[in-house]
């Protein structure tokens, strides 16, 4: 292997495969060491070096210098070639891995080429990636040659290949689309502080502006909603709520629950819970369909949010005080203090930090252990009772549905009999 040939090989691989020249030099050196080791035996200590400027080879075997003519002439050419190819493939794999690993969380655009089961194979330039069913937006369907956008979710080495996993369900995709569609976000004037998402259904995006002259919500919506419309279309019609961010939870929680109107927010610091009071006519709107609105608001704020009316809160407070006061070791004054901190059920009391309960009630460690144990017992009983109630309710609903179906079938049969009778009547009869 002549010096000029080595330099030519290194330069060609560097240009064609986009692999750093130093990596190629090291691969060739390793290949030559492997080839000579196979020739002289595993116990032989061999070192090989290539001059990076002129391509000259130098090496030693068991401390003795190897003649360059011996290096060029005695190495098995086929063996060296195979090892070099293997090393280059490994270097190419590592280069692809490093390139895409740096892009994890970033948005890429690719073309769907084929399907393997429910997973779509997406061409990203010269590299293929996989969009698994689990990372696809529910209800979406893709077609060959269709261009899609997704974020890089995971990059890992699998043998001699690199497996790149794409995702369209992660919050990062929403963020990247906002950065692309809204210049103020790309410029840093508007900042996305939090995103809560249920892919394919609804997302909440909390934004704030560093310039008081720019309305962060209005800028994200765009003139006649054109900016947000583009994002919604890319996400297959997913509803997006843009929320004005505030570091004050008393402001952020009501913003996050929009379009519902909030009367009051009670923050329970020990539990990390916010009790939100709304009017009766706002209750279902605040909770949302199947609890979606309050669930996303909780994720956005980082606090558990419980929605209730003033009357429901008063009832829970009354029950909690009476229940706590009935536990041995807790008097009514301590029960009221616990309720004041937001502990409204036996389940809440069962997870209280012992040190907090000792401080609130001025209790000993033994007394606290006994109180928590009793709270756990009552919480378990309450859960069993609630499960039984749910079972009874489902049974009642099943019976009611069966009865309604039977009534409907009977009515349909009666209508059919009447219709048959009318058809059978002789002409002229009324």
Protein backbone atom coordinates (compact mmCIF):
# COMPACT_ATOMS: atom_id res chain seq x y z
CA UNK A 1 0.00 0.00 0.00
CA UNK A 2 1.82 3.09 -1.25
CA UNK A 3 1.70 6.40 0.68
CA UNK A 4 -0.06 8.20 -2.15
CA UNK A 5 -2.70 5.46 -2.28
CA UNK A 6 -3.35 5.85 1.45
CA UNK A 7 -3.84 9.61 1.11
CA UNK A 8 -6.13 9.09 -1.88
CA UNK A 9 -8.24 6.53 0.01
CA UNK A 10 -8.52 8.79 3.05
CA UNK A 11 -9.53 11.80 0.98
CA UNK A 12 -12.12 9.83 -1.04
CA UNK A 13 -13.76 8.33 2.05
CA UNK A 14 -13.76 11.72 3.76
CA UNK A 15 -15.58 13.31 0.83
CA UNK A 16 -17.94 10.47 -0.04
CA UNK A 17 -18.91 9.36 3.46
CA UNK A 18 -18.48 12.67 5.32
CA UNK A 19 -16.20 10.96 7.84
CA UNK A 20 -13.43 12.88 9.57
CA UNK A 21 -10.01 12.15 8.05
CA UNK A 22 -8.51 11.32 11.43
CA UNK A 23 -11.16 8.64 11.92
CA UNK A 24 -10.23 7.13 8.53
CA UNK A 25 -6.51 7.17 9.35
CA UNK A 26 -7.18 5.42 12.65
CA UNK A 27 -9.38 2.84 10.89
CA UNK A 28 -6.62 2.01 8.38
CA UNK A 29 -4.03 1.75 11.17
CA UNK A 30 -6.31 -0.58 13.11
CA UNK A 31 -6.91 -2.67 9.99
CA UNK A 32 -3.18 -3.05 9.35
CA UNK A 33 -2.58 -4.05 12.98
CA UNK A 34 -5.32 -6.68 12.69
CA UNK A 35 -3.93 -8.05 9.44
CA UNK A 36 -0.36 -8.33 10.81
CA UNK A 37 -1.59 -9.89 14.05
CA UNK A 38 -3.32 -12.63 12.06
CA UNK A 39 -0.06 -13.18 10.16
CA UNK A 40 2.36 -13.26 13.10
CA UNK A 41 0.09 -14.58 15.85
CA UNK A 42 -2.05 -13.16 18.65
CA UNK A 43 0.87 -12.91 21.07
CA UNK A 44 2.75 -10.49 18.85
CA UNK A 45 2.81 -6.83 19.88
CA UNK A 46 2.34 -4.71 16.78
CA UNK A 47 2.06 -0.93 16.35
CA UNK A 48 1.32 0.91 13.10
CA UNK A 49 1.37 4.65 12.41
CA UNK A 50 0.58 6.64 9.27
CA UNK A 51 2.07 10.07 8.70
CA UNK A 52 -0.92 12.38 8.28
CA UNK A 53 0.91 14.63 5.83
CA UNK A 54 2.67 12.29 3.40
CA UNK A 55 0.99 8.92 4.04
CA UNK A 56 4.25 7.15 4.97
CA UNK A 57 3.81 3.96 7.01
CA UNK A 58 5.89 3.09 10.06
CA UNK A 59 5.54 0.30 12.59
CA UNK A 60 7.10 -2.17 14.97
CA UNK A 61 6.77 -5.85 15.85
CA UNK A 62 7.71 -6.80 19.41
CA UNK A 63 9.69 -3.58 19.64
CA UNK A 64 11.57 -4.12 16.38
CA UNK A 65 11.03 -1.72 13.50
CA UNK A 66 9.17 -3.18 10.54
CA UNK A 67 10.52 -2.37 7.12
CA UNK A 68 7.99 -0.36 5.08
CA UNK A 69 8.55 -2.70 2.16
CA UNK A 70 7.51 -5.57 4.43
CA UNK A 71 4.39 -3.60 5.42
CA UNK A 72 3.48 -3.03 1.79
CA UNK A 73 4.34 -6.49 0.50
CA UNK A 74 3.67 -9.03 3.23
CA UNK A 75 0.28 -7.87 4.53
CA UNK A 76 -2.56 -9.96 3.17
CA UNK A 77 -4.21 -7.50 0.82
CA UNK A 78 -7.63 -9.16 1.02
CA UNK A 79 -7.54 -9.31 4.82
CA UNK A 80 -6.52 -5.68 5.10
CA UNK A 81 -9.22 -4.64 2.66
CA UNK A 82 -11.93 -6.49 4.60
CA UNK A 83 -10.85 -5.00 7.91
CA UNK A 84 -10.61 -1.50 6.43
CA UNK A 85 -14.12 -1.81 4.98
CA UNK A 86 -15.42 -2.97 8.36
CA UNK A 87 -13.71 -0.13 10.20
CA UNK A 88 -14.99 2.41 7.68
CA UNK A 89 -18.55 1.12 8.08
CA UNK A 90 -18.23 1.43 11.84
CA UNK A 91 -16.87 4.95 11.45
CA UNK A 92 -19.72 5.81 9.07
CA UNK A 93 -22.26 4.42 11.54
CA UNK A 94 -20.68 6.42 14.36
CA UNK A 95 -20.72 9.60 12.25
CA UNK A 96 -24.41 9.16 11.41
CA UNK A 97 -25.19 8.38 15.06
CA UNK A 98 -23.39 11.48 16.31
CA UNK A 99 -25.00 13.69 13.65
CA UNK A 100 -28.56 12.69 14.52
CA UNK A 101 -28.00 12.36 18.25
CA UNK A 102 -27.26 16.09 18.30
CA UNK A 103 -30.68 16.66 16.67
CA UNK A 104 -32.77 14.81 19.27
CA UNK A 105 -35.84 16.96 19.97
CA UNK A 106 -35.40 18.89 16.71
CA UNK A 107 -37.89 18.81 13.85
CA UNK A 108 -36.96 17.18 10.55
CA UNK A 109 -38.79 16.75 7.26
CA UNK A 110 -38.76 13.51 5.33
CA UNK A 111 -40.60 11.42 2.74
CA UNK A 112 -42.53 8.26 3.58
CA UNK A 113 -41.06 5.46 1.48
CA UNK A 114 -42.69 2.26 2.74
CA UNK A 115 -44.45 0.55 5.62
CA UNK A 116 -43.44 -2.32 7.86
CA UNK A 117 -46.65 -3.25 9.59
CA UNK A 118 -47.98 -0.04 11.16
CA UNK A 119 -44.54 1.62 11.23
CA UNK A 120 -43.62 4.06 8.47
CA UNK A 121 -40.12 4.27 7.02
CA UNK A 122 -39.13 7.89 6.36
CA UNK A 123 -36.25 8.99 4.15
CA UNK A 124 -34.16 11.78 5.70
CA UNK A 125 -31.74 12.67 2.95
CA UNK A 126 -29.46 9.65 2.60
CA UNK A 127 -30.58 8.13 5.90
CA UNK A 128 -33.70 6.16 6.78
CA UNK A 129 -35.71 6.67 9.97
CA UNK A 130 -38.68 4.88 11.53
CA UNK A 131 -41.97 6.42 12.66
CA UNK A 132 -43.55 3.68 14.84
CA UNK A 133 -47.30 3.42 15.38
CA UNK A 134 -46.78 4.36 19.04
CA UNK A 135 -45.26 7.71 17.95
CA UNK A 136 -47.94 8.56 15.37
CA UNK A 137 -50.80 10.95 16.06
CA UNK A 138 -53.97 8.89 16.65
CA UNK A 139 -56.14 8.76 13.54
CA UNK A 140 -53.45 9.90 11.12
CA UNK A 141 -52.74 7.89 7.97
CA UNK A 142 -49.64 8.29 5.79
CA UNK A 143 -49.06 7.40 2.14
CA UNK A 144 -45.91 6.56 0.16
CA UNK A 145 -44.14 9.66 -1.23
CA UNK A 146 -45.96 11.87 1.32
CA UNK A 147 -43.75 14.45 3.02
CA UNK A 148 -44.14 14.63 6.79
CA UNK A 149 -42.57 16.54 9.65
CA UNK A 150 -41.60 14.95 12.96
CA UNK A 151 -39.10 15.31 15.77
CA UNK A 152 -36.15 13.00 16.34
CA UNK A 153 -37.05 11.05 19.46
CA UNK A 154 -34.32 8.43 19.82
CA UNK A 155 -31.04 7.49 18.10
CA UNK A 156 -29.24 4.25 18.89
CA UNK A 157 -26.69 1.90 17.33
CA UNK A 158 -28.00 -1.51 16.26
CA UNK A 159 -25.16 -3.68 14.98
CA UNK A 160 -23.64 -1.98 11.95
CA UNK A 161 -26.66 0.31 11.51
CA UNK A 162 -28.11 3.36 13.22
CA UNK A 163 -31.76 3.23 14.21
CA UNK A 164 -33.43 6.65 14.18
CA UNK A 165 -36.86 6.85 15.81
CA UNK A 166 -39.15 9.74 14.87
CA UNK A 167 -42.15 11.04 16.80
CA UNK A 168 -45.19 13.18 16.08
CA UNK A 169 -46.75 12.94 19.54
CA UNK A 170 -44.16 14.71 21.69
CA UNK A 171 -44.58 18.32 22.89
CA UNK A 172 -41.34 19.22 21.09
CA UNK A 173 -43.14 18.99 17.73
CA UNK A 174 -45.62 21.65 18.83
CA UNK A 175 -42.77 23.84 20.04
CA UNK A 176 -40.78 23.49 16.78
CA UNK A 177 -43.88 24.30 14.71
CA UNK A 178 -44.45 27.44 16.80
CA UNK A 179 -40.81 28.45 16.27
CA UNK A 180 -41.20 27.93 12.54
CA UNK A 181 -44.55 29.71 12.10
CA UNK A 182 -44.11 32.58 14.56
CA UNK A 183 -41.06 34.84 13.94
CA UNK A 184 -41.34 36.46 17.39
CA UNK A 185 -40.66 33.08 18.99
CA UNK A 186 -37.74 32.32 16.66
CA UNK A 187 -36.30 35.77 17.50
CA UNK A 188 -36.71 35.22 21.25
CA UNK A 189 -39.16 38.08 21.79
CA UNK A 190 -41.88 35.59 22.75
CA UNK A 191 -40.93 32.57 24.85
CA UNK A 192 -42.75 29.27 25.25
CA UNK A 193 -42.68 28.48 28.96
CA UNK A 194 -44.67 25.23 29.05
CA UNK A 195 -46.55 22.82 26.80
CA UNK A 196 -49.11 20.18 27.80
CA UNK A 197 -50.31 17.89 25.06
CA UNK A 198 -52.69 15.03 24.36
CA UNK A 199 -51.73 14.22 20.75
CA UNK A 200 -54.46 14.43 18.17
CA UNK A 201 -56.93 16.01 20.57
CA UNK A 202 -55.74 19.10 22.40
CA UNK A 203 -52.66 21.04 23.49
CA UNK A 204 -52.10 23.99 25.80
CA UNK A 205 -49.13 26.26 25.13
CA UNK A 206 -48.09 28.86 27.70
CA UNK A 207 -46.27 31.89 26.26
CA UNK A 208 -44.84 35.17 27.57
CA UNK A 209 -43.46 38.26 25.82
CA UNK A 210 -40.30 40.14 26.82
CA UNK A 211 -41.66 43.22 25.01
CA UNK A 212 -44.73 44.80 26.61
CA UNK A 213 -45.73 46.24 23.24
CA UNK A 214 -46.21 42.75 21.78
CA UNK A 215 -49.26 40.72 22.73
CA UNK A 216 -47.87 37.20 23.01
CA UNK A 217 -51.23 35.47 22.56
CA UNK A 218 -52.28 37.64 19.61
CA UNK A 219 -48.93 37.18 17.88
CA UNK A 220 -49.23 33.40 18.15
CA UNK A 221 -52.77 33.41 16.79
CA UNK A 222 -51.89 35.69 13.88
CA UNK A 223 -54.10 37.83 11.67
CA UNK A 224 -57.45 36.04 11.32
CA UNK A 225 -55.82 33.06 13.02
CA UNK A 226 -53.59 32.26 10.05
CA UNK A 227 -50.51 31.36 12.11
CA UNK A 228 -52.19 28.97 14.51
CA UNK A 229 -54.25 27.57 11.64
CA UNK A 230 -51.10 26.35 9.89
CA UNK A 231 -49.97 24.57 13.04
CA UNK A 232 -53.36 22.99 13.63
CA UNK A 233 -53.44 21.68 10.05
CA UNK A 234 -49.96 20.17 10.43
CA UNK A 235 -51.16 18.38 13.58
CA UNK A 236 -54.24 16.95 11.89
CA UNK A 237 -56.78 19.31 13.41
CA UNK A 238 -55.51 19.10 16.99
CA UNK A 239 -57.02 21.91 19.07
CA UNK A 240 -54.47 24.34 20.52
CA UNK A 241 -55.13 26.69 23.44
CA UNK A 242 -52.64 29.54 23.79
CA UNK A 243 -52.25 30.53 27.44
CA UNK A 244 -50.67 33.69 28.83
CA UNK A 245 -47.92 32.59 31.22
CA UNK A 246 -47.47 34.02 34.72
CA UNK A 247 -45.14 33.04 37.54
CA UNK A 248 -48.06 33.73 39.90
CA UNK A 249 -50.16 30.56 40.15
CA UNK A 250 -53.17 32.64 41.17
CA UNK A 251 -53.00 34.09 37.64
CA UNK A 252 -51.65 31.11 35.71
CA UNK A 253 -54.21 28.54 36.90
CA UNK A 254 -57.27 30.56 35.73
CA UNK A 255 -55.48 31.28 32.43
CA UNK A 256 -54.75 27.57 31.97
CA UNK A 257 -58.39 26.62 32.58
CA UNK A 258 -59.79 28.97 29.93
CA UNK A 259 -62.35 29.20 28.43
CA UNK A 260 -63.91 28.38 31.84
CA UNK A 261 -64.39 31.28 34.27
CA UNK A 262 -62.75 30.77 37.67
CA UNK A 263 -64.06 32.33 40.90
CA UNK A 264 -61.20 31.49 43.26
CA UNK A 265 -57.94 29.51 43.44
CA UNK A 266 -56.89 27.99 46.77
CA UNK A 267 -53.27 26.77 46.79
CA UNK A 268 -52.41 23.89 49.13
CA UNK A 269 -48.63 24.14 49.38
CA UNK A 270 -48.03 20.91 51.30
CA UNK A 271 -49.86 18.81 48.72
CA UNK A 272 -48.87 20.78 45.62
CA UNK A 273 -52.58 21.03 44.83
CA UNK A 274 -54.76 23.85 43.68
CA UNK A 275 -58.46 23.81 44.54
CA UNK A 276 -60.31 25.83 41.92
CA UNK A 277 -63.80 27.08 42.69
CA UNK A 278 -66.19 27.71 39.83
CA UNK A 279 -69.88 28.35 39.41
CA UNK A 280 -72.17 25.42 38.70
CA UNK A 281 -72.64 26.50 35.09
CA UNK A 282 -68.85 26.56 34.57
CA UNK A 283 -68.12 23.18 36.17
CA UNK A 284 -68.33 20.96 33.09
CA UNK A 285 -66.45 23.53 30.97
CA UNK A 286 -63.61 23.74 33.50
CA UNK A 287 -63.31 19.97 33.74
CA UNK A 288 -63.64 19.45 30.00
CA UNK A 289 -64.66 16.39 28.04
CA UNK A 290 -63.48 13.34 29.96
CA UNK A 291 -61.46 15.64 32.23
CA UNK A 292 -59.22 16.83 29.41
CA UNK A 293 -59.23 20.56 30.19
CA UNK A 294 -58.30 20.22 33.86
CA UNK A 295 -55.81 17.44 33.09
CA UNK A 296 -53.91 19.58 30.58
CA UNK A 297 -54.07 22.61 32.87
CA UNK A 298 -52.52 20.53 35.67
CA UNK A 299 -49.67 19.44 33.39
CA UNK A 300 -49.11 23.01 32.22
CA UNK A 301 -48.95 24.46 35.74
CA UNK A 302 -47.13 21.54 37.35
CA UNK A 303 -49.78 21.33 40.11
CA UNK A 304 -52.67 18.97 40.73
CA UNK A 305 -55.86 20.94 40.08
CA UNK A 306 -59.20 19.94 41.56
CA UNK A 307 -62.34 21.63 40.26
CA UNK A 308 -65.37 22.06 42.51
CA UNK A 309 -68.14 24.46 43.42
CA UNK A 310 -68.25 26.40 46.67
CA UNK A 311 -71.00 24.12 47.96
CA UNK A 312 -68.96 20.98 47.19
CA UNK A 313 -65.94 22.44 48.99
CA UNK A 314 -68.01 23.29 52.07
CA UNK A 315 -69.37 19.75 52.16
CA UNK A 316 -65.88 18.22 51.82
CA UNK A 317 -64.55 20.48 54.59
CA UNK A 318 -67.38 19.50 56.89
CA UNK A 319 -66.90 15.77 56.22
CA UNK A 320 -63.11 16.00 56.56
CA UNK A 321 -63.20 17.79 59.92
CA UNK A 322 -65.74 15.31 61.30
CA UNK A 323 -63.78 12.34 59.95
CA UNK A 324 -60.38 13.51 61.18
CA UNK A 325 -61.73 14.41 64.62
CA UNK A 326 -63.02 10.84 64.96
CA UNK A 327 -59.49 9.44 64.66
CA UNK A 328 -57.90 8.76 68.03
CA UNK A 329 -55.18 11.30 68.72
CA UNK A 330 -56.68 14.07 66.57
CA UNK A 331 -58.93 16.71 68.08
CA UNK A 332 -61.14 19.13 66.18
CA UNK A 333 -58.62 21.97 66.33
CA UNK A 334 -55.94 19.86 64.64
CA UNK A 335 -58.54 18.58 62.15
CA UNK A 336 -59.38 22.17 61.19
CA UNK A 337 -55.69 23.00 60.73
CA UNK A 338 -55.25 19.96 58.48
CA UNK A 339 -58.25 20.98 56.39
CA UNK A 340 -56.84 24.50 56.20
CA UNK A 341 -53.70 23.05 54.60
CA UNK A 342 -55.82 21.30 51.98
CA UNK A 343 -56.06 17.78 53.44
CA UNK A 344 -59.65 16.90 52.59
CA UNK A 345 -59.70 13.10 52.55
CA UNK A 346 -58.29 10.07 54.33
CA UNK A 347 -56.20 9.44 51.22
CA UNK A 348 -54.60 12.90 51.60
CA UNK A 349 -53.88 12.26 55.27
CA UNK A 350 -52.35 8.85 54.54
CA UNK A 351 -49.56 10.42 52.46
CA UNK A 352 -48.76 13.37 54.75
CA UNK A 353 -45.15 13.80 55.77
CA UNK A 354 -44.87 12.64 59.40
CA UNK A 355 -42.81 15.72 60.29
CA UNK A 356 -45.57 17.97 58.93
CA UNK A 357 -48.25 16.21 60.96
CA UNK A 358 -46.07 16.35 64.08
CA UNK A 359 -45.68 20.11 63.59
CA UNK A 360 -49.36 20.79 62.83
CA UNK A 361 -50.71 18.76 65.75
CA UNK A 362 -47.77 18.98 68.19
CA UNK A 363 -47.78 15.16 68.21
CA UNK A 364 -45.22 12.48 69.01
CA UNK A 365 -43.77 10.21 66.34
CA UNK A 366 -45.69 7.23 67.76
CA UNK A 367 -48.98 9.12 67.66
CA UNK A 368 -48.34 10.23 64.07
CA UNK A 369 -47.59 6.64 62.97
CA UNK A 370 -50.86 5.45 64.52
CA UNK A 371 -52.87 8.29 62.89
CA UNK A 372 -51.36 7.66 59.44
CA UNK A 373 -52.00 3.93 59.75
CA UNK A 374 -55.65 4.58 60.62
CA UNK A 375 -55.95 7.04 57.73
CA UNK A 376 -54.54 4.40 55.35
CA UNK A 377 -57.07 1.85 56.64
CA UNK A 378 -60.00 4.21 56.18
CA UNK A 379 -58.72 5.28 52.74
CA UNK A 380 -58.63 1.64 51.65
CA UNK A 381 -62.19 1.10 52.91
CA UNK A 382 -63.34 4.24 51.11
CA UNK A 383 -61.74 3.01 47.87
CA UNK A 384 -63.52 -0.35 48.18
CA UNK A 385 -66.84 1.44 48.80
CA UNK A 386 -66.23 3.74 45.81
CA UNK A 387 -65.41 0.78 43.55
CA UNK A 388 -68.59 -0.98 44.70
CA UNK A 389 -70.62 2.15 43.99
CA UNK A 390 -69.11 2.40 40.50
CA UNK A 391 -69.94 -1.25 39.89
CA UNK A 392 -73.55 -0.71 40.97
CA UNK A 393 -73.80 2.36 38.75
CA UNK A 394 -72.46 0.45 35.73
CA UNK A 395 -74.97 -2.35 36.44
CA UNK A 396 -77.83 0.15 36.65
CA UNK A 397 -76.72 1.73 33.37
CA UNK A 398 -76.56 -1.71 31.74
CA UNK A 399 -80.04 -2.62 32.95
CA UNK A 400 -81.41 0.76 31.84
CA UNK A 401 -79.85 0.34 28.40
CA UNK A 402 -81.21 -3.20 28.06
CA UNK A 403 -84.68 -1.98 29.07
CA UNK A 404 -84.52 0.91 26.59
CA UNK A 405 -83.38 -1.45 23.82
CA UNK A 406 -86.21 -3.85 24.62
CA UNK A 407 -88.78 -1.03 24.60
CA UNK A 408 -87.42 0.23 21.29
CA UNK A 409 -87.54 -3.26 19.78
CA UNK A 410 -91.13 -3.72 21.01
CA UNK A 411 -92.19 -0.39 19.55
CA UNK A 412 -90.52 -1.23 16.24
CA UNK A 413 -92.28 -4.58 16.14
CA UNK A 414 -95.64 -2.91 16.81
CA UNK A 415 -94.99 -0.44 13.99
CA UNK A 416 -94.12 -3.30 11.66
CA UNK A 417 -97.34 -5.21 12.53
CA UNK A 418 -99.39 -2.07 11.89
CA UNK A 419 -97.64 -1.51 8.58
CA UNK A 420 -98.19 -5.14 7.51
CA UNK A 421 -101.89 -4.83 8.41
CA UNK A 422 -102.25 -1.70 6.32
CA UNK A 423 -100.57 -3.38 3.35
CA UNK A 424 -102.91 -6.41 3.61
CA UNK A 425 -106.15 -4.36 3.71
CA UNK A 426 -108.38 -4.79 0.54
CA UNK A 427 -108.39 -1.94 -1.91
CA UNK A 428 -110.99 0.67 -1.09
CA UNK A 429 -111.00 -0.02 2.65
CA UNK A 430 -109.92 2.76 4.88
